[in-house]
Amino acid sequence: MEIQARLLEYKFHVMITIIVIVVLSALVYAAPRILDILAYFWPLFASTAAFLAMAITSGGFQQLSDEATGEGIMDYVAGRPEDFH
């Protein structure tokens, strides 16, 4: 009887584990294949790669800004606007 009493303590743990396993296996079974996902999103991936390649080859985005790298945004986030210095 002691074993059954010990098992009843873990009844909810076992049920939750079984439910999680069933849900995860159903998701794996019903999920689309990775090639299907790549075939659907390839224009997005290609345009993002082209944009990044153009940004890197043209010197990045830093040339568009007059301030040093990240100083202005760091002051803004830290709550220290330049007017109060």
PDB file of N, CA and C in Angstrom:
ATOM      1  N   MET A   1       0.810  -1.198   0.000  1.00  0.00           N
ATOM      2  CA  MET A   1       0.000   0.000   0.000  1.00  0.00           C
ATOM      3  C   MET A   1       0.851   1.258   0.000  1.00  0.00           C
ATOM      4  N   GLU A   2       2.027   1.145   0.562  1.00  0.00           N
ATOM      5  CA  GLU A   2       2.880   2.326   0.640  1.00  0.00           C
ATOM      6  C   GLU A   2       3.300   2.801  -0.753  1.00  0.00           C
ATOM      7  N   ILE A   3       3.504   1.855  -1.666  1.00  0.00           N
ATOM      8  CA  ILE A   3       3.897   2.219  -3.026  1.00  0.00           C
ATOM      9  C   ILE A   3       2.760   2.959  -3.718  1.00  0.00           C
ATOM     10  N   GLN A   4       1.536   2.478  -3.561  1.00  0.00           N
ATOM     11  CA  GLN A   4       0.400   3.168  -4.181  1.00  0.00           C
ATOM     12  C   GLN A   4       0.215   4.560  -3.606  1.00  0.00           C
ATOM     13  N   ALA A   5       0.429   4.712  -2.326  1.00  0.00           N
ATOM     14  CA  ALA A   5       0.314   6.039  -1.715  1.00  0.00           C
ATOM     15  C   ALA A   5       1.379   6.979  -2.265  1.00  0.00           C
ATOM     16  N   ARG A   6       2.587   6.459  -2.460  1.00  0.00           N
ATOM     17  CA  ARG A   6       3.660   7.283  -3.030  1.00  0.00           C
ATOM     18  C   ARG A   6       3.351   7.646  -4.478  1.00  0.00           C
ATOM     19  N   LEU A   7       2.777   6.689  -5.234  1.00  0.00           N
ATOM     20  CA  LEU A   7       2.449   6.970  -6.629  1.00  0.00           C
ATOM     21  C   LEU A   7       1.331   8.011  -6.748  1.00  0.00           C
ATOM     22  N   LEU A   8       0.395   7.984  -5.834  1.00  0.00           N
ATOM     23  CA  LEU A   8      -0.687   8.963  -5.870  1.00  0.00           C
ATOM     24  C   LEU A   8      -0.177  10.389  -5.623  1.00  0.00           C
ATOM     25  N   GLU A   9       0.945  10.522  -4.939  1.00  0.00           N
ATOM     26  CA  GLU A   9       1.534  11.855  -4.744  1.00  0.00           C
ATOM     27  C   GLU A   9       1.975  12.461  -6.072  1.00  0.00           C
ATOM     28  N   TYR A  10       2.390  11.619  -6.993  1.00  0.00           N
ATOM     29  CA  TYR A  10       2.911  12.077  -8.288  1.00  0.00           C
ATOM     30  C   TYR A  10       1.898  11.925  -9.419  1.00  0.00           C
ATOM     31  N   LYS A  11       0.630  11.761  -9.074  1.00  0.00           N
ATOM     32  CA  LYS A  11      -0.403  11.543 -10.083  1.00  0.00           C
ATOM     33  C   LYS A  11      -0.494  12.727 -11.045  1.00  0.00           C
ATOM     34  N   PHE A  12      -0.486  13.934 -10.523  1.00  0.00           N
ATOM     35  CA  PHE A  12      -0.606  15.114 -11.376  1.00  0.00           C
ATOM     36  C   PHE A  12       0.644  15.324 -12.219  1.00  0.00           C
ATOM     37  N   HIS A  13       1.802  14.994 -11.673  1.00  0.00           N
ATOM     38  CA  HIS A  13       3.040  15.126 -12.437  1.00  0.00           C
ATOM     39  C   HIS A  13       3.029  14.195 -13.643  1.00  0.00           C
ATOM     40  N   VAL A  14       2.572  12.975 -13.433  1.00  0.00           N
ATOM     41  CA  VAL A  14       2.514  11.995 -14.510  1.00  0.00           C
ATOM     42  C   VAL A  14       1.498  12.434 -15.566  1.00  0.00           C
ATOM     43  N   MET A  15       0.339  12.917 -15.119  1.00  0.00           N
ATOM     44  CA  MET A  15      -0.677  13.358 -16.081  1.00  0.00           C
ATOM     45  C   MET A  15      -0.187  14.544 -16.897  1.00  0.00           C
ATOM     46  N   ILE A  16       0.451  15.499 -16.263  1.00  0.00           N
ATOM     47  CA  ILE A  16       0.967  16.671 -16.987  1.00  0.00           C
ATOM     48  C   ILE A  16       2.052  16.257 -17.960  1.00  0.00           C
ATOM     49  N   THR A  17       2.917  15.337 -17.564  1.00  0.00           N
ATOM     50  CA  THR A  17       3.968  14.847 -18.459  1.00  0.00           C
ATOM     51  C   THR A  17       3.377  14.165 -19.677  1.00  0.00           C
ATOM     52  N   ILE A  18       2.362  13.352 -19.480  1.00  0.00           N
ATOM     53  CA  ILE A  18       1.716  12.662 -20.602  1.00  0.00           C
ATOM     54  C   ILE A  18       1.043  13.676 -21.522  1.00  0.00           C
ATOM     55  N   ILE A  19       0.379  14.670 -20.967  1.00  0.00           N
ATOM     56  CA  ILE A  19      -0.276  15.691 -21.788  1.00  0.00           C
ATOM     57  C   ILE A  19       0.750  16.465 -22.603  1.00  0.00           C
ATOM     58  N   VAL A  20       1.862  16.837 -21.991  1.00  0.00           N
ATOM     59  CA  VAL A  20       2.909  17.580 -22.704  1.00  0.00           C
ATOM     60  C   VAL A  20       3.492  16.734 -23.828  1.00  0.00           C
ATOM     61  N   ILE A  21       3.724  15.467 -23.573  1.00  0.00           N
ATOM     62  CA  ILE A  21       4.264  14.579 -24.605  1.00  0.00           C
ATOM     63  C   ILE A  21       3.288  14.442 -25.767  1.00  0.00           C
ATOM     64  N   VAL A  22       2.010  14.290 -25.472  1.00  0.00           N
ATOM     65  CA  VAL A  22       1.005  14.162 -26.530  1.00  0.00           C
ATOM     66  C   VAL A  22       0.915  15.444 -27.353  1.00  0.00           C
ATOM     67  N   VAL A  23       0.927  16.591 -26.695  1.00  0.00           N
ATOM     68  CA  VAL A  23       0.838  17.870 -27.414  1.00  0.00           C
ATOM     69  C   VAL A  23       2.075  18.079 -28.284  1.00  0.00           C
ATOM     70  N   LEU A  24       3.248  17.830 -27.736  1.00  0.00           N
ATOM     71  CA  LEU A  24       4.473  18.013 -28.519  1.00  0.00           C
ATOM     72  C   LEU A  24       4.547  17.051 -29.701  1.00  0.00           C
ATOM     73  N   SER A  25       4.146  15.824 -29.503  1.00  0.00           N
ATOM     74  CA  SER A  25       4.171  14.876 -30.624  1.00  0.00           C
ATOM     75  C   SER A  25       3.151  15.260 -31.692  1.00  0.00           C
ATOM     76  N   ALA A  26       2.007  15.794 -31.278  1.00  0.00           N
ATOM     77  CA  ALA A  26       1.022  16.249 -32.257  1.00  0.00           C
ATOM     78  C   ALA A  26       1.555  17.449 -33.040  1.00  0.00           C
ATOM     79  N   LEU A  27       2.255  18.360 -32.354  1.00  0.00           N
ATOM     80  CA  LEU A  27       2.837  19.511 -33.051  1.00  0.00           C
ATOM     81  C   LEU A  27       3.919  19.083 -34.036  1.00  0.00           C
ATOM     82  N   VAL A  28       4.740  18.123 -33.642  1.00  0.00           N
ATOM     83  CA  VAL A  28       5.787  17.643 -34.542  1.00  0.00           C
ATOM     84  C   VAL A  28       5.167  16.947 -35.747  1.00  0.00           C
ATOM     85  N   TYR A  29       4.115  16.194 -35.523  1.00  0.00           N
ATOM     86  CA  TYR A  29       3.463  15.493 -36.623  1.00  0.00           C
ATOM     87  C   TYR A  29       2.753  16.462 -37.569  1.00  0.00           C
ATOM     88  N   ALA A  30       2.109  17.489 -37.013  1.00  0.00           N
ATOM     89  CA  ALA A  30       1.311  18.399 -37.826  1.00  0.00           C
ATOM     90  C   ALA A  30       2.118  19.560 -38.395  1.00  0.00           C
ATOM     91  N   ALA A  31       3.330  19.760 -37.935  1.00  0.00           N
ATOM     92  CA  ALA A  31       4.128  20.902 -38.384  1.00  0.00           C
ATOM     93  C   ALA A  31       4.548  20.706 -39.836  1.00  0.00           C
ATOM     94  N   PRO A  32       4.639  21.807 -40.571  1.00  0.00           N
ATOM     95  CA  PRO A  32       5.100  21.689 -41.956  1.00  0.00           C
ATOM     96  C   PRO A  32       6.591  21.373 -41.999  1.00  0.00           C
ATOM     97  N   ARG A  33       7.018  20.808 -43.081  1.00  0.00           N
ATOM     98  CA  ARG A  33       8.423  20.472 -43.247  1.00  0.00           C
ATOM     99  C   ARG A  33       9.236  21.746 -43.434  1.00  0.00           C
ATOM    100  N   ILE A  34      10.520  21.692 -43.089  1.00  0.00           N
ATOM    101  CA  ILE A  34      11.376  22.873 -43.151  1.00  0.00           C
ATOM    102  C   ILE A  34      11.537  23.364 -44.590  1.00  0.00           C
ATOM    103  N   LEU A  35      11.554  22.476 -45.553  1.00  0.00           N
ATOM    104  CA  LEU A  35      11.669  22.899 -46.952  1.00  0.00           C
ATOM    105  C   LEU A  35      10.425  23.638 -47.411  1.00  0.00           C
ATOM    106  N   ASP A  36       9.268  23.265 -46.895  1.00  0.00           N
ATOM    107  CA  ASP A  36       8.044  23.990 -47.231  1.00  0.00           C
ATOM    108  C   ASP A  36       8.087  25.422 -46.682  1.00  0.00           C
ATOM    109  N   ILE A  37       8.612  25.550 -45.473  1.00  0.00           N
ATOM    110  CA  ILE A  37       8.729  26.884 -44.873  1.00  0.00           C
ATOM    111  C   ILE A  37       9.713  27.733 -45.668  1.00  0.00           C
ATOM    112  N   LEU A  38      10.855  27.159 -46.032  1.00  0.00           N
ATOM    113  CA  LEU A  38      11.843  27.894 -46.817  1.00  0.00           C
ATOM    114  C   LEU A  38      11.299  28.264 -48.195  1.00  0.00           C
ATOM    115  N   ALA A  39      10.547  27.369 -48.798  1.00  0.00           N
ATOM    116  CA  ALA A  39       9.973  27.674 -50.109  1.00  0.00           C
ATOM    117  C   ALA A  39       8.960  28.811 -50.027  1.00  0.00           C
ATOM    118  N   TYR A  40       8.245  28.897 -48.933  1.00  0.00           N
ATOM    119  CA  TYR A  40       7.245  29.956 -48.770  1.00  0.00           C
ATOM    120  C   TYR A  40       7.901  31.305 -48.500  1.00  0.00           C
ATOM    121  N   PHE A  41       8.945  31.317 -47.674  1.00  0.00           N
ATOM    122  CA  PHE A  41       9.543  32.573 -47.251  1.00  0.00           C
ATOM    123  C   PHE A  41      10.807  32.958 -48.024  1.00  0.00           C
ATOM    124  N   TRP A  42      11.174  32.253 -49.101  1.00  0.00           N
ATOM    125  CA  TRP A  42      12.426  32.551 -49.762  1.00  0.00           C
ATOM    126  C   TRP A  42      12.488  33.987 -50.283  1.00  0.00           C
ATOM    127  N   PRO A  43      11.405  34.614 -50.764  1.00  0.00           N
ATOM    128  CA  PRO A  43      11.545  36.015 -51.190  1.00  0.00           C
ATOM    129  C   PRO A  43      11.925  36.938 -50.026  1.00  0.00           C
ATOM    130  N   LEU A  44      11.367  36.696 -48.869  1.00  0.00           N
ATOM    131  CA  LEU A  44      11.719  37.502 -47.702  1.00  0.00           C
ATOM    132  C   LEU A  44      13.179  37.305 -47.326  1.00  0.00           C
ATOM    133  N   PHE A  45      13.644  36.057 -47.304  1.00  0.00           N
ATOM    134  CA  PHE A  45      15.038  35.787 -46.974  1.00  0.00           C
ATOM    135  C   PHE A  45      15.975  36.410 -48.009  1.00  0.00           C
ATOM    136  N   ALA A  46      15.623  36.304 -49.286  1.00  0.00           N
ATOM    137  CA  ALA A  46      16.479  36.846 -50.335  1.00  0.00           C
ATOM    138  C   ALA A  46      16.542  38.370 -50.274  1.00  0.00           C
ATOM    139  N   SER A  47      15.412  39.031 -50.055  1.00  0.00           N
ATOM    140  CA  SER A  47      15.434  40.489 -50.003  1.00  0.00           C
ATOM    141  C   SER A  47      16.166  40.980 -48.760  1.00  0.00           C
ATOM    142  N   THR A  48      16.034  40.288 -47.645  1.00  0.00           N
ATOM    143  CA  THR A  48      16.757  40.666 -46.435  1.00  0.00           C
ATOM    144  C   THR A  48      18.256  40.492 -46.642  1.00  0.00           C
ATOM    145  N   ALA A  49      18.663  39.410 -47.260  1.00  0.00           N
ATOM    146  CA  ALA A  49      20.085  39.182 -47.522  1.00  0.00           C
ATOM    147  C   ALA A  49      20.632  40.234 -48.481  1.00  0.00           C
ATOM    148  N   ALA A  50      19.857  40.602 -49.499  1.00  0.00           N
ATOM    149  CA  ALA A  50      20.307  41.632 -50.437  1.00  0.00           C
ATOM    150  C   ALA A  50      20.430  42.987 -49.744  1.00  0.00           C
ATOM    151  N   PHE A  51      19.469  43.320 -48.899  1.00  0.00           N
ATOM    152  CA  PHE A  51      19.532  44.588 -48.173  1.00  0.00           C
ATOM    153  C   PHE A  51      20.740  44.637 -47.260  1.00  0.00           C
ATOM    154  N   LEU A  52      20.996  43.561 -46.523  1.00  0.00           N
ATOM    155  CA  LEU A  52      22.157  43.532 -45.636  1.00  0.00           C
ATOM    156  C   LEU A  52      23.461  43.597 -46.412  1.00  0.00           C
ATOM    157  N   ALA A  53      23.525  42.925 -47.538  1.00  0.00           N
ATOM    158  CA  ALA A  53      24.739  42.973 -48.357  1.00  0.00           C
ATOM    159  C   ALA A  53      24.985  44.389 -48.871  1.00  0.00           C
ATOM    160  N   MET A  54      23.922  45.072 -49.316  1.00  0.00           N
ATOM    161  CA  MET A  54      24.094  46.452 -49.791  1.00  0.00           C
ATOM    162  C   MET A  54      24.483  47.386 -48.652  1.00  0.00           C
ATOM    163  N   ALA A  55      23.918  47.180 -47.481  1.00  0.00           N
ATOM    164  CA  ALA A  55      24.249  48.035 -46.336  1.00  0.00           C
ATOM    165  C   ALA A  55      25.694  47.841 -45.909  1.00  0.00           C
ATOM    166  N   ILE A  56      26.166  46.610 -45.928  1.00  0.00           N
ATOM    167  CA  ILE A  56      27.545  46.339 -45.517  1.00  0.00           C
ATOM    168  C   ILE A  56      28.532  46.859 -46.563  1.00  0.00           C
ATOM    169  N   THR A  57      28.238  46.658 -47.841  1.00  0.00           N
ATOM    170  CA  THR A  57      29.170  47.088 -48.877  1.00  0.00           C
ATOM    171  C   THR A  57      29.210  48.604 -49.024  1.00  0.00           C
ATOM    172  N   SER A  58      28.148  49.286 -48.664  1.00  0.00           N
ATOM    173  CA  SER A  58      28.148  50.742 -48.780  1.00  0.00           C
ATOM    174  C   SER A  58      28.672  51.411 -47.519  1.00  0.00           C
ATOM    175  N   GLY A  59      29.207  50.664 -46.598  1.00  0.00           N
ATOM    176  CA  GLY A  59      29.817  51.250 -45.410  1.00  0.00           C
ATOM    177  C   GLY A  59      28.944  51.214 -44.187  1.00  0.00           C
ATOM    178  N   GLY A  60      27.844  50.536 -44.240  1.00  0.00           N
ATOM    179  CA  GLY A  60      26.977  50.433 -43.078  1.00  0.00           C
ATOM    180  C   GLY A  60      26.103  51.651 -42.897  1.00  0.00           C
ATOM    181  N   PHE A  61      25.463  51.727 -41.778  1.00  0.00           N
ATOM    182  CA  PHE A  61      24.527  52.795 -41.496  1.00  0.00           C
ATOM    183  C   PHE A  61      25.163  53.934 -40.715  1.00  0.00           C
ATOM    184  N   GLN A  62      26.377  53.756 -40.241  1.00  0.00           N
ATOM    185  CA  GLN A  62      27.001  54.763 -39.390  1.00  0.00           C
ATOM    186  C   GLN A  62      27.274  56.055 -40.154  1.00  0.00           C
ATOM    187  N   GLN A  63      27.511  55.980 -41.449  1.00  0.00           N
ATOM    188  CA  GLN A  63      27.801  57.180 -42.208  1.00  0.00           C
ATOM    189  C   GLN A  63      26.584  58.108 -42.316  1.00  0.00           C
ATOM    190  N   LEU A  64      25.407  57.607 -42.033  1.00  0.00           N
ATOM    191  CA  LEU A  64      24.206  58.428 -42.086  1.00  0.00           C
ATOM    192  C   LEU A  64      24.033  59.275 -40.828  1.00  0.00           C
ATOM    193  N   SER A  65      24.816  58.993 -39.796  1.00  0.00           N
ATOM    194  CA  SER A  65      24.651  59.666 -38.519  1.00  0.00           C
ATOM    195  C   SER A  65      25.867  60.524 -38.212  1.00  0.00           C
ATOM    196  N   ASP A  66      25.639  61.687 -37.569  1.00  0.00           N
ATOM    197  CA  ASP A  66      26.738  62.566 -37.186  1.00  0.00           C
ATOM    198  C   ASP A  66      27.308  62.206 -35.826  1.00  0.00           C
ATOM    199  N   GLU A  67      26.542  61.563 -34.989  1.00  0.00           N
ATOM    200  CA  GLU A  67      27.001  61.261 -33.637  1.00  0.00           C
ATOM    201  C   GLU A  67      27.782  59.961 -33.610  1.00  0.00           C
ATOM    202  N   ALA A  68      28.577  59.798 -32.561  1.00  0.00           N
ATOM    203  CA  ALA A  68      29.370  58.580 -32.417  1.00  0.00           C
ATOM    204  C   ALA A  68      28.435  57.392 -32.206  1.00  0.00           C
ATOM    205  N   THR A  69      28.980  56.239 -32.366  1.00  0.00           N
ATOM    206  CA  THR A  69      28.180  55.024 -32.348  1.00  0.00           C
ATOM    207  C   THR A  69      27.416  54.875 -31.042  1.00  0.00           C
ATOM    208  N   GLY A  70      26.121  55.048 -31.101  1.00  0.00           N
ATOM    209  CA  GLY A  70      25.245  54.756 -29.988  1.00  0.00           C
ATOM    210  C   GLY A  70      25.242  55.747 -28.844  1.00  0.00           C
ATOM    211  N   GLU A  71      26.021  56.818 -28.887  1.00  0.00           N
ATOM    212  CA  GLU A  71      26.066  57.740 -27.746  1.00  0.00           C
ATOM    213  C   GLU A  71      24.733  58.455 -27.537  1.00  0.00           C
ATOM    214  N   GLY A  72      24.124  58.920 -28.596  1.00  0.00           N
ATOM    215  CA  GLY A  72      22.868  59.643 -28.470  1.00  0.00           C
ATOM    216  C   GLY A  72      21.755  58.784 -27.917  1.00  0.00           C
ATOM    217  N   ILE A  73      21.651  57.572 -28.417  1.00  0.00           N
ATOM    218  CA  ILE A  73      20.585  56.691 -27.950  1.00  0.00           C
ATOM    219  C   ILE A  73      20.850  56.245 -26.520  1.00  0.00           C
ATOM    220  N   MET A  74      22.114  56.055 -26.154  1.00  0.00           N
ATOM    221  CA  MET A  74      22.435  55.662 -24.786  1.00  0.00           C
ATOM    222  C   MET A  74      22.079  56.780 -23.801  1.00  0.00           C
ATOM    223  N   ASP A  75      22.327  58.035 -24.175  1.00  0.00           N
ATOM    224  CA  ASP A  75      21.944  59.149 -23.315  1.00  0.00           C
ATOM    225  C   ASP A  75      20.429  59.230 -23.179  1.00  0.00           C
ATOM    226  N   TYR A  76      19.729  58.999 -24.278  1.00  0.00           N
ATOM    227  CA  TYR A  76      18.272  59.055 -24.249  1.00  0.00           C
ATOM    228  C   TYR A  76      17.698  57.954 -23.357  1.00  0.00           C
ATOM    229  N   VAL A  77      18.228  56.733 -23.503  1.00  0.00           N
ATOM    230  CA  VAL A  77      17.734  55.611 -22.721  1.00  0.00           C
ATOM    231  C   VAL A  77      18.074  55.792 -21.244  1.00  0.00           C
ATOM    232  N   ALA A  78      19.231  56.350 -20.966  1.00  0.00           N
ATOM    233  CA  ALA A  78      19.648  56.545 -19.583  1.00  0.00           C
ATOM    234  C   ALA A  78      18.910  57.706 -18.926  1.00  0.00           C
ATOM    235  N   GLY A  79      18.141  58.457 -19.699  1.00  0.00           N
ATOM    236  CA  GLY A  79      17.376  59.561 -19.143  1.00  0.00           C
ATOM    237  C   GLY A  79      18.198  60.815 -18.941  1.00  0.00           C
ATOM    238  N   ARG A  80      19.257  60.944 -19.716  1.00  0.00           N
ATOM    239  CA  ARG A  80      20.106  62.124 -19.608  1.00  0.00           C
ATOM    240  C   ARG A  80      20.079  62.899 -20.920  1.00  0.00           C
ATOM    241  N   PRO A  81      19.032  63.623 -21.181  1.00  0.00           N
ATOM    242  CA  PRO A  81      19.026  64.421 -22.407  1.00  0.00           C
ATOM    243  C   PRO A  81      20.093  65.493 -22.343  1.00  0.00           C
ATOM    244  N   GLU A  82      20.562  65.932 -23.498  1.00  0.00           N
ATOM    245  CA  GLU A  82      21.659  66.895 -23.553  1.00  0.00           C
ATOM    246  C   GLU A  82      21.275  68.234 -22.955  1.00  0.00           C
ATOM    247  N   ASP A  83      19.992  68.571 -22.873  1.00  0.00           N
ATOM    248  CA  ASP A  83      19.570  69.865 -22.313  1.00  0.00           C
ATOM    249  C   ASP A  83      19.882  69.980 -20.829  1.00  0.00           C
ATOM    250  N   PHE A  84      19.964  68.868 -20.124  1.00  0.00           N
ATOM    251  CA  PHE A  84      20.147  68.897 -18.679  1.00  0.00           C
ATOM    252  C   PHE A  84      21.599  68.729 -18.258  1.00  0.00           C
ATOM    253  N   HIS A  85      22.534  68.656 -19.163  1.00  0.00           N
ATOM    254  CA  HIS A  85      23.951  68.457 -18.801  1.00  0.00           C
ATOM    255  C   HIS A  85      24.536  69.717 -18.292  1.00  0.00           C
TER     256      HIS A  85
END
